[in-house]
Protein backbone atom coordinates (compact mmCIF):
# COMPACT_ATOMS: atom_id res chain seq x y z
CA UNK A 1 0.00 0.00 0.00
CA UNK A 2 1.36 3.42 -1.00
CA UNK A 3 0.85 6.38 1.27
CA UNK A 4 0.52 9.80 -0.35
CA UNK A 5 2.65 12.33 1.47
CA UNK A 6 1.30 15.88 1.57
CA UNK A 7 4.33 18.17 1.51
CA UNK A 8 4.78 21.84 2.28
CA UNK A 9 5.22 22.41 -1.45
CA UNK A 10 1.88 20.71 -2.10
CA UNK A 11 0.22 22.90 0.50
CA UNK A 12 1.77 26.07 -0.92
CA UNK A 13 0.74 25.18 -4.46
CA UNK A 14 -2.82 24.63 -3.30
CA UNK A 15 -2.87 27.76 -1.14
CA UNK A 16 -1.60 29.95 -3.98
CA UNK A 17 -4.82 29.19 -5.87
CA UNK A 18 -6.60 31.43 -3.34
CA UNK A 19 -6.32 35.05 -4.65
CA UNK A 20 -6.18 36.57 -1.15
CA UNK A 21 -3.42 34.21 -0.06
CA UNK A 22 -1.50 34.77 -3.30
CA UNK A 23 -1.65 38.55 -2.82
CA UNK A 24 -0.40 38.32 0.78
CA UNK A 25 2.33 35.90 -0.30
CA UNK A 26 3.56 38.21 -3.04
CA UNK A 27 3.42 41.28 -0.78
CA UNK A 28 5.69 39.58 1.77
CA UNK A 29 8.47 38.91 -0.79
CA UNK A 30 10.55 42.00 0.14
CA UNK A 31 10.50 41.15 3.86
CA UNK A 32 11.41 37.56 3.04
CA UNK A 33 14.39 38.62 0.92
CA UNK A 34 15.68 40.97 3.66
CA UNK A 35 15.27 38.25 6.29
CA UNK A 36 16.92 35.58 4.15
CA UNK A 37 19.89 37.80 3.24
CA UNK A 38 20.41 38.95 6.82
CA UNK A 39 20.35 35.43 8.24
CA UNK A 40 22.68 34.11 5.54
CA UNK A 41 25.21 36.94 6.02
CA UNK A 42 25.16 36.60 9.80
CA UNK A 43 25.60 32.84 9.70
CA UNK A 44 28.35 33.07 7.08
CA UNK A 45 30.28 35.38 9.40
CA UNK A 46 29.52 33.10 12.36
CA UNK A 47 28.14 35.84 14.58
CA UNK A 48 25.13 35.81 16.87
CA UNK A 49 22.18 38.17 16.79
CA UNK A 50 23.58 39.76 19.95
CA UNK A 51 26.98 40.38 18.35
CA UNK A 52 25.41 41.82 15.20
CA UNK A 53 23.20 44.07 17.30
CA UNK A 54 26.23 45.40 19.18
CA UNK A 55 28.09 46.08 15.93
CA UNK A 56 25.05 47.86 14.45
CA UNK A 57 24.32 49.82 17.65
CA UNK A 58 20.85 48.31 18.03
CA UNK A 59 19.30 45.52 20.09
CA UNK A 60 19.10 41.77 19.63
CA UNK A 61 15.30 42.14 19.60
CA UNK A 62 15.52 44.35 16.49
CA UNK A 63 17.70 41.79 14.71
CA UNK A 64 15.31 39.02 15.74
CA UNK A 65 12.29 40.94 14.41
CA UNK A 66 14.06 41.51 11.09
CA UNK A 67 14.99 37.85 10.78
CA UNK A 68 11.45 36.72 11.62
CA UNK A 69 9.87 39.20 9.18
CA UNK A 70 8.10 40.98 12.06
CA UNK A 71 9.48 44.44 11.34
CA UNK A 72 9.52 46.98 8.55
CA UNK A 73 13.07 48.38 8.73
CA UNK A 74 14.15 51.78 7.51
CA UNK A 75 16.83 52.05 4.86
CA UNK A 76 19.00 53.70 7.53
CA UNK A 77 18.74 50.65 9.79
CA UNK A 78 19.54 48.33 6.88
CA UNK A 79 22.62 50.46 6.12
CA UNK A 80 23.79 50.22 9.75
CA UNK A 81 23.38 46.45 9.68
CA UNK A 82 25.14 46.15 6.33
CA UNK A 83 28.07 48.20 7.65
CA UNK A 84 28.19 46.02 10.77
CA UNK A 85 28.52 43.01 8.43
CA UNK A 86 31.06 44.80 6.18
CA UNK A 87 28.57 44.60 3.34
CA UNK A 88 26.67 47.00 1.12
CA UNK A 89 22.95 46.99 0.54
CA UNK A 90 21.52 46.96 -2.96
CA UNK A 91 17.94 47.95 -3.55
CA UNK A 92 16.31 47.52 -6.93
CA UNK A 93 12.87 47.68 -8.46
CA UNK A 94 11.76 45.12 -11.00
């Protein structure tokens, strides 16, 4: 007997058929990209949220909110974090 496994990808594909869900999903793309890039850069440099916060002159809670997509950061804050990671930010419209 074969058991059909319902994966996260299956669920997402089904959910994206709902226009309201699709709109919310697409609107969260920018926050997702910021979160993903921040986490990847921090992990690559092997530093904690606390250490990054100290370097960027902010708090660990701010870094956590950015990484969990619970904040809408200013460009100034993103610049401070980029400098703390010895990186530059690049913003583009498509």
